[in-house]
Amino acid sequence: MLFHAFLIKYAEIAIKGKNRYMFEDALVKQMKIALSQVEGEFEVKKEQGRVYVFCPENYDFQEAVEALQKVFGIVGICPVVIYEEQGFEKLAEDVVSYMQSRYPGYEGTFKMYTRRAKKTYPMTSMEVSSELGGRILEAFPKASVDVHDPALTVSVEIREKIYVYSETIKGPGGMPVGTNGKAMLLLSGGIDSPVAGYMIAKRGVKIDAVYFHAPPYTSDRAKQKVVDLAKLVAKYSGPIRLHVVNFTDIQLYIYDQCPHEELTIIMRRYMMRIAEHFAKENGCLGLITGESIGQVASQTMQSLAATNEVCTLPVYRPVIGFDKQEIVEISKKIDTFETSILPFEDCCTIFVAKHPVTKPNLNIIHRSETKLEEKIDQLMEEALRTTEVIEIR
């Protein structure tokens, strides 16, 4: 069956009061971005408290649905068939025809739902539903009405034209990206950080990202892996500015000057400093990491406190209470898992100590970092100056 439009359902946006229009406008914008990747000219419009996508004559239905299923803020996608408004008898004929095309020989329970947006229509919503229900029962004698728990709800909206739909395809939920500020994601090649970016974006936060590259210890394939992960996250979050920082000289200097059991913590502290620099430069309101308590040595409560200390912006850790399997399940849902497990190491893995400290003492860490004073500022400036920015769409 050819569907002429999609009715878009949302949940949280509806309770936003006087600011609701801002969230609706952001939703429309993100839908347009998503549908721009689908062949054909789609028109996204707000109409009388509804958001509709009007489809071109020829388009790939599944591709359009998959694009909309990546737009945060949408909880339901209803494929709609549109008929001309030519009086009730024609409406009844069209609805029965719709049922025969979509559900030939239907024998289950159903109910009718009518929304009369065109207030000059001569019948009330209840009258239309009652009459249409009777016509469907005549056409489908083995079907039955159940207004409390029907297997099928046939919805009719009376506007300048007649909109008929009976299916709601699940959307991702959340809030439209861009309605809750912007944050900087520390993106590695692992499983956790892409999931963290996805989860924060789901709450309406636009994200940029920073990746720490350490050639020749990490290869160009490792960098490409992160770019590919950013592209997968961007399908949900919208465009991402990915900052690729050459971290090799800083890591080697820390490796030469500091106790090896403290390497992970000290390197992590400098990563946070650099990420915060770009976050502030780009108007971000916080940092995002994929850290989960106790997963590795750098993610104990003491270690997280040690890395937090160098930041003035808040650090958001959306997977902090998840176990690994829970994170893996989300990564599979958003299609980042297979890319994340490709065997190209990131800089954290290459320089990990054999016996890292799990409960770092901040006084000792401060003392170790004084050994870096001779060159670290110069190395940091060089890393910031040579950072490559890749626009991910």
Protein backbone atom coordinates (compact mmCIF):
# COMPACT_ATOMS: atom_id res chain seq x y z
CA MET A 1 0.00 0.00 0.00
CA LEU A 2 1.26 3.48 -0.88
CA PHE A 3 1.51 5.73 2.16
CA HIS A 4 1.27 9.43 1.44
CA ALA A 5 2.54 10.74 4.78
CA PHE A 6 3.74 9.91 8.29
CA LEU A 7 2.07 11.27 11.41
CA ILE A 8 4.79 11.82 14.01
CA LYS A 9 3.93 11.20 17.65
CA TYR A 10 5.94 12.64 20.54
CA ALA A 11 5.60 12.41 24.32
CA GLU A 12 7.76 14.68 26.50
CA ILE A 13 7.52 17.62 24.11
CA ALA A 14 3.76 17.78 24.68
CA ILE A 15 4.21 18.87 28.33
CA LYS A 16 6.58 21.76 27.63
CA GLY A 17 3.93 24.46 27.96
CA LYS A 18 4.76 27.83 26.39
CA ASN A 19 8.15 26.51 25.18
CA ARG A 20 6.57 23.62 23.29
CA TYR A 21 6.95 25.32 19.89
CA MET A 22 10.75 25.48 20.39
CA PHE A 23 10.94 21.72 20.92
CA GLU A 24 8.62 21.09 17.95
CA ASP A 25 10.78 23.31 15.73
CA ALA A 26 13.91 21.44 16.85
CA LEU A 27 12.18 18.13 16.11
CA VAL A 28 11.19 19.31 12.63
CA LYS A 29 14.77 20.44 11.96
CA GLN A 30 16.24 17.07 12.98
CA MET A 31 13.66 15.21 10.89
CA LYS A 32 14.61 17.26 7.84
CA ILE A 33 18.30 16.44 8.41
CA ALA A 34 17.53 12.72 8.74
CA LEU A 35 15.26 12.61 5.67
CA SER A 36 17.78 14.52 3.54
CA GLN A 37 19.66 11.21 3.31
CA VAL A 38 16.62 9.51 1.73
CA GLU A 39 15.97 9.90 -2.00
CA GLY A 40 13.00 12.14 -2.77
CA GLU A 41 11.61 15.47 -1.56
CA PHE A 42 9.96 15.07 1.84
CA GLU A 43 8.01 17.96 3.37
CA VAL A 44 7.95 18.18 7.18
CA LYS A 45 5.15 20.40 8.51
CA LYS A 46 3.44 21.33 11.77
CA GLU A 47 -0.34 21.32 11.36
CA GLN A 48 -2.86 22.00 14.14
CA GLY A 49 -0.84 20.43 16.94
CA ARG A 50 0.50 17.63 14.76
CA VAL A 51 3.79 17.04 12.96
CA TYR A 52 3.50 15.40 9.55
CA VAL A 53 5.97 14.19 6.95
CA PHE A 54 4.45 14.43 3.47
CA CYS A 55 6.11 11.96 1.11
CA PRO A 56 7.01 12.19 -2.59
CA GLU A 57 5.25 9.98 -5.15
CA ASN A 58 8.11 7.52 -5.29
CA TYR A 59 10.23 6.80 -2.23
CA ASP A 60 11.68 3.90 -0.25
CA PHE A 61 9.25 3.36 2.62
CA GLN A 62 11.62 1.30 4.76
CA GLU A 63 14.50 3.72 4.28
CA ALA A 64 12.31 6.66 5.28
CA VAL A 65 11.08 4.86 8.41
CA GLU A 66 14.63 3.90 9.41
CA ALA A 67 15.75 7.53 9.04
CA LEU A 68 12.90 8.74 11.27
CA GLN A 69 13.65 6.02 13.84
CA LYS A 70 16.98 7.75 14.46
CA VAL A 71 15.42 11.12 15.33
CA PHE A 72 15.26 11.66 19.07
CA GLY A 73 11.94 13.08 20.26
CA ILE A 74 9.83 10.74 18.11
CA VAL A 75 7.96 8.04 20.03
CA GLY A 76 5.75 6.83 17.19
CA ILE A 77 5.64 6.91 13.38
CA CYS A 78 2.22 6.34 11.83
CA PRO A 79 2.08 5.62 8.07
CA VAL A 80 -0.89 7.60 6.69
CA VAL A 81 -3.06 7.22 3.59
CA ILE A 82 -4.69 10.49 2.50
CA TYR A 83 -8.08 10.65 0.73
CA GLU A 84 -10.05 13.59 -0.66
CA GLU A 85 -12.83 14.88 1.61
CA GLN A 86 -16.09 14.35 -0.37
CA GLY A 87 -18.69 13.68 2.27
CA PHE A 88 -19.32 10.83 4.70
CA GLU A 89 -20.34 8.16 2.18
CA LYS A 90 -17.08 8.58 0.28
CA LEU A 91 -15.18 8.62 3.59
CA ALA A 92 -16.81 5.31 4.62
CA GLU A 93 -16.03 3.80 1.24
CA ASP A 94 -12.38 4.90 1.51
CA VAL A 95 -11.96 3.52 5.05
CA VAL A 96 -13.43 0.14 4.07
CA SER A 97 -11.15 0.13 1.00
CA TYR A 98 -8.19 0.94 3.28
CA MET A 99 -9.06 -2.03 5.52
CA GLN A 100 -9.46 -4.39 2.57
CA SER A 101 -6.08 -3.38 1.19
CA ARG A 102 -4.19 -3.51 4.49
CA TYR A 103 -6.01 -6.29 6.32
CA PRO A 104 -7.83 -8.51 3.79
CA GLY A 105 -10.19 -10.94 5.50
CA TYR A 106 -9.62 -9.35 8.93
CA GLU A 107 -11.13 -11.44 11.75
CA GLY A 108 -9.75 -9.77 14.90
CA THR A 109 -10.95 -7.05 17.23
CA PHE A 110 -10.81 -3.37 16.36
CA LYS A 111 -11.98 0.05 17.40
CA MET A 112 -12.41 3.31 15.53
CA TYR A 113 -10.85 6.60 16.59
CA THR A 114 -11.87 9.84 14.91
CA ARG A 115 -10.29 13.27 15.30
CA ARG A 116 -12.35 16.05 13.72
CA ALA A 117 -9.81 18.83 13.11
CA LYS A 118 -12.18 20.38 10.55
CA LYS A 119 -14.88 21.69 12.91
CA THR A 120 -17.31 22.49 10.05
CA TYR A 121 -17.67 18.80 9.28
CA PRO A 122 -21.39 18.01 9.83
CA MET A 123 -20.90 14.91 12.04
CA THR A 124 -19.25 14.67 15.46
CA SER A 125 -16.20 12.48 16.08
CA MET A 126 -18.32 9.96 18.01
CA GLU A 127 -20.89 9.76 15.21
CA VAL A 128 -18.20 9.21 12.58
CA SER A 129 -16.56 6.46 14.64
CA SER A 130 -19.86 4.71 15.27
CA GLU A 131 -20.91 4.79 11.62
CA LEU A 132 -17.49 3.71 10.32
CA GLY A 133 -17.36 0.86 12.82
CA GLY A 134 -20.67 -0.41 11.47
CA ARG A 135 -19.45 -0.23 7.86
CA ILE A 136 -16.32 -2.20 8.74
CA LEU A 137 -18.40 -4.88 10.50
CA GLU A 138 -20.53 -5.20 7.36
CA ALA A 139 -17.41 -5.65 5.21
CA PHE A 140 -15.66 -7.94 7.72
CA PRO A 141 -18.36 -10.08 9.36
CA LYS A 142 -15.83 -12.12 11.39
CA ALA A 143 -14.32 -8.99 12.98
CA SER A 144 -15.60 -7.58 16.26
CA VAL A 145 -15.46 -4.29 18.14
CA ASP A 146 -13.46 -4.00 21.37
CA VAL A 147 -13.08 -0.45 22.64
CA HIS A 148 -10.97 -1.42 25.67
CA ASP A 149 -8.22 -3.72 24.34
CA PRO A 150 -8.48 -3.99 20.55
CA ALA A 151 -5.96 -5.79 18.39
CA LEU A 152 -6.27 -2.95 15.86
CA THR A 153 -7.13 0.75 16.15
CA VAL A 154 -8.19 2.44 12.93
CA SER A 155 -7.69 6.19 13.21
CA VAL A 156 -9.34 8.79 11.01
CA GLU A 157 -8.44 12.49 11.05
CA ILE A 158 -10.85 14.81 9.27
CA ARG A 159 -9.01 17.83 7.91
CA GLU A 160 -9.24 19.49 4.50
CA LYS A 161 -8.52 15.93 3.43
CA ILE A 162 -9.06 12.60 5.21
CA TYR A 163 -6.05 11.00 6.96
CA VAL A 164 -6.31 7.28 7.78
CA TYR A 165 -3.78 5.21 9.72
CA SER A 166 -3.74 2.07 11.85
CA GLU A 167 -0.13 1.36 12.76
CA THR A 168 2.38 3.03 15.07
CA ILE A 169 6.02 2.16 14.42
CA LYS A 170 8.14 2.69 17.52
CA GLY A 171 10.51 5.67 17.56
CA PRO A 172 13.62 6.20 19.71
CA GLY A 173 11.98 8.55 22.25
CA GLY A 174 14.03 11.16 24.08
CA MET A 175 14.26 14.85 23.26
CA PRO A 176 15.16 16.59 19.96
CA VAL A 177 18.90 17.17 19.62
CA GLY A 178 19.81 20.81 20.23
CA THR A 179 17.16 21.54 22.86
CA ASN A 180 19.48 20.98 25.83
CA GLY A 181 22.77 22.61 24.93
CA LYS A 182 26.00 21.04 23.71
CA ALA A 183 28.70 18.84 25.25
CA MET A 184 32.08 17.41 24.26
CA LEU A 185 32.40 13.62 24.02
CA LEU A 186 35.75 11.95 24.67
CA LEU A 187 35.48 9.37 21.90
CA SER A 188 37.79 6.37 21.86
CA GLY A 189 37.67 3.29 19.68
CA GLY A 190 36.02 1.23 22.41
CA ILE A 191 32.47 0.10 23.09
CA ASP A 192 31.54 2.50 25.89
CA SER A 193 32.10 6.05 24.61
CA PRO A 194 29.89 5.81 21.48
CA VAL A 195 27.09 4.50 23.72
CA ALA A 196 27.66 7.42 26.13
CA GLY A 197 27.40 9.89 23.23
CA TYR A 198 24.20 8.27 21.99
CA MET A 199 22.61 8.38 25.46
CA ILE A 200 23.43 12.04 26.05
CA ALA A 201 22.22 12.98 22.55
CA LYS A 202 18.94 11.19 23.34
CA ARG A 203 18.30 13.79 26.04
CA GLY A 204 18.49 16.61 23.49
CA VAL A 205 22.20 17.47 23.83
CA LYS A 206 24.13 18.28 20.66
CA ILE A 207 27.57 16.67 20.78
CA ASP A 208 31.03 17.35 19.43
CA ALA A 209 33.88 14.91 20.04
CA VAL A 210 37.60 14.67 20.71
CA TYR A 211 39.81 11.68 19.91
CA PHE A 212 43.41 11.23 21.11
CA HIS A 213 45.61 9.77 18.40
CA ALA A 214 49.15 8.50 19.07
CA PRO A 215 51.00 7.76 15.83
CA PRO A 216 52.99 5.63 15.15
CA TYR A 217 51.80 3.64 18.17
CA THR A 218 48.24 3.84 16.89
CA SER A 219 47.65 3.37 13.17
CA ASP A 220 45.60 5.30 10.64
CA ARG A 221 43.16 2.40 10.78
CA ALA A 222 42.61 3.14 14.48
CA LYS A 223 41.83 6.75 13.56
CA GLN A 224 39.49 5.64 10.77
CA LYS A 225 37.73 3.34 13.22
CA VAL A 226 36.93 6.34 15.44
CA VAL A 227 35.76 8.36 12.43
CA ASP A 228 33.47 5.47 11.50
CA LEU A 229 32.12 5.32 15.07
CA ALA A 230 31.46 9.06 14.98
CA LYS A 231 29.50 8.60 11.73
CA LEU A 232 27.36 5.92 13.36
CA VAL A 233 26.64 8.11 16.39
CA ALA A 234 25.94 11.07 14.08
CA LYS A 235 23.03 9.16 12.55
CA TYR A 236 21.28 9.81 15.86
CA SER A 237 22.97 12.98 17.13
CA GLY A 238 23.24 14.93 13.91
CA PRO A 239 26.52 16.47 12.66
CA ILE A 240 29.59 16.11 14.92
CA ARG A 241 32.83 18.11 14.86
CA LEU A 242 35.51 15.54 15.65
CA HIS A 243 38.79 16.93 17.05
CA VAL A 244 41.71 14.55 16.40
CA VAL A 245 44.50 15.41 18.85
CA ASN A 246 48.05 14.18 18.25
CA PHE A 247 48.83 12.96 21.77
CA THR A 248 52.06 11.03 21.12
CA ASP A 249 54.60 13.53 22.46
CA ILE A 250 52.59 14.20 25.62
CA GLN A 251 52.24 10.48 26.30
CA LEU A 252 55.91 9.78 25.74
CA TYR A 253 56.90 12.65 28.02
CA ILE A 254 54.61 11.41 30.79
CA TYR A 255 55.94 7.89 30.24
CA ASP A 256 59.53 9.12 30.65
CA GLN A 257 58.97 11.40 33.65
CA CYS A 258 56.26 9.83 35.83
CA PRO A 259 55.89 6.56 37.80
CA HIS A 260 54.45 3.94 35.48
CA GLU A 261 51.68 2.88 37.86
CA GLU A 262 50.35 6.46 37.59
CA LEU A 263 50.55 6.70 33.81
CA THR A 264 46.87 6.04 33.11
CA ILE A 265 45.63 8.61 35.63
CA ILE A 266 48.06 11.35 34.61
CA MET A 267 47.46 10.80 30.89
CA ARG A 268 43.74 10.85 31.53
CA ARG A 269 44.03 14.14 33.42
CA TYR A 270 45.78 15.74 30.43
CA MET A 271 43.17 14.36 28.07
CA MET A 272 40.47 15.98 30.19
CA ARG A 273 42.34 19.30 30.15
CA ILE A 274 42.58 19.24 26.35
CA ALA A 275 38.96 18.11 25.91
CA GLU A 276 37.83 20.94 28.17
CA HIS A 277 39.82 23.45 26.13
CA PHE A 278 37.94 22.47 22.96
CA ALA A 279 34.66 22.21 24.87
CA LYS A 280 34.92 25.83 26.01
CA GLU A 281 36.10 26.95 22.58
CA ASN A 282 33.01 25.37 21.02
CA GLY A 283 30.47 26.60 23.56
CA CYS A 284 29.95 23.22 25.24
CA LEU A 285 28.44 23.04 28.71
CA GLY A 286 30.15 19.84 29.82
CA LEU A 287 32.26 16.79 28.96
CA ILE A 288 30.95 13.27 28.26
CA THR A 289 32.86 10.06 28.92
CA GLY A 290 32.04 6.36 28.65
CA GLU A 291 33.37 5.52 32.11
CA SER A 292 31.65 2.88 34.24
CA ILE A 293 32.52 2.48 37.93
CA GLY A 294 34.98 -0.33 38.55
CA GLN A 295 35.29 -1.47 34.95
CA VAL A 296 39.04 -0.77 34.75
CA ALA A 297 41.68 0.76 37.04
CA SER A 298 41.10 4.30 35.75
CA GLN A 299 37.39 4.04 36.57
CA THR A 300 37.41 3.49 40.31
CA MET A 301 35.76 6.19 42.40
CA GLN A 302 39.18 7.48 43.45
CA SER A 303 40.42 7.56 39.85
CA LEU A 304 37.33 9.36 38.61
CA ALA A 305 37.76 11.94 41.37
CA ALA A 306 41.39 12.43 40.29
CA THR A 307 40.41 13.10 36.66
CA ASN A 308 37.47 15.31 37.65
CA GLU A 309 39.79 17.57 39.64
CA VAL A 310 41.36 19.12 36.54
CA CYS A 311 37.99 20.14 35.04
CA THR A 312 35.91 23.22 35.68
CA LEU A 313 33.08 22.00 33.43
CA PRO A 314 30.81 19.20 34.68
CA VAL A 315 31.63 15.67 33.47
CA TYR A 316 28.65 13.54 32.42
CA ARG A 317 29.01 9.75 32.55
CA PRO A 318 25.72 8.26 31.32
CA VAL A 319 26.86 4.60 31.54
CA ILE A 320 28.49 4.93 34.98
CA GLY A 321 26.13 2.45 36.65
CA PHE A 322 25.90 -0.02 33.77
CA ASP A 323 27.70 -3.34 33.60
CA LYS A 324 29.53 -4.30 30.43
CA GLN A 325 26.77 -6.47 29.01
CA GLU A 326 24.22 -3.70 29.34
CA ILE A 327 26.54 -1.35 27.42
CA VAL A 328 27.18 -4.01 24.77
CA GLU A 329 23.44 -4.47 24.24
CA ILE A 330 22.98 -0.75 23.55
CA SER A 331 26.01 -0.71 21.24
CA LYS A 332 24.46 -3.52 19.22
CA LYS A 333 21.14 -1.68 19.04
CA ILE A 334 22.82 1.43 17.61
CA ASP A 335 25.14 -0.61 15.32
CA THR A 336 28.44 0.54 16.86
CA PHE A 337 29.44 -2.79 18.42
CA GLU A 338 30.99 -4.45 15.36
CA THR A 339 33.08 -1.36 14.63
CA SER A 340 34.13 -0.96 18.27
CA ILE A 341 35.56 -4.49 18.46
CA LEU A 342 37.78 -4.11 15.38
CA PRO A 343 41.36 -4.91 16.51
CA PHE A 344 42.89 -1.43 16.17
CA GLU A 345 44.21 -0.20 19.53
CA ASP A 346 43.72 3.31 20.85
CA CYS A 347 46.37 5.30 22.71
CA CYS A 348 45.07 4.38 26.17
CA THR A 349 45.50 0.68 25.46
CA ILE A 350 49.00 1.03 24.05
CA PHE A 351 50.40 2.91 27.06
CA VAL A 352 48.59 1.08 29.84
CA ALA A 353 50.75 0.16 32.85
CA LYS A 354 51.10 -3.45 33.99
CA HIS A 355 50.04 -2.59 37.53
CA PRO A 356 48.12 0.71 37.46
CA VAL A 357 47.19 2.41 40.70
CA THR A 358 43.51 1.94 41.47
CA LYS A 359 43.24 4.35 44.41
CA PRO A 360 45.36 7.33 43.42
CA ASN A 361 46.32 9.84 46.09
CA LEU A 362 45.89 13.34 44.68
CA ASN A 363 48.85 14.72 46.64
CA ILE A 364 51.10 12.08 45.07
CA ILE A 365 49.65 12.73 41.61
CA HIS A 366 50.28 16.47 42.00
CA ARG A 367 53.86 15.74 43.04
CA SER A 368 54.41 13.49 40.01
CA GLU A 369 53.01 16.11 37.67
CA THR A 370 55.60 18.66 38.86
CA LYS A 371 58.16 16.52 37.00
CA LEU A 372 56.44 17.57 33.77
CA GLU A 373 56.72 21.31 34.32
CA GLU A 374 59.71 21.83 32.05
CA LYS A 375 58.02 20.89 28.77
CA ILE A 376 54.35 20.03 29.32
CA ASP A 377 52.93 23.49 28.54
CA GLN A 378 54.84 23.61 25.26
CA LEU A 379 53.69 20.10 24.33
CA MET A 380 50.09 20.96 25.18
CA GLU A 381 50.21 24.10 23.01
CA GLU A 382 51.61 22.06 20.11
CA ALA A 383 48.88 19.41 20.51
CA LEU A 384 46.19 22.09 20.48
CA ARG A 385 47.74 23.88 17.50
CA THR A 386 48.02 20.73 15.35
CA THR A 387 44.60 19.28 16.17
CA GLU A 388 42.72 18.17 13.05
CA VAL A 389 38.98 18.91 12.93
CA ILE A 390 36.81 16.55 10.88
CA GLU A 391 33.19 17.43 10.12
CA ILE A 392 31.13 14.26 10.56
CA ARG A 393 27.69 14.17 8.92
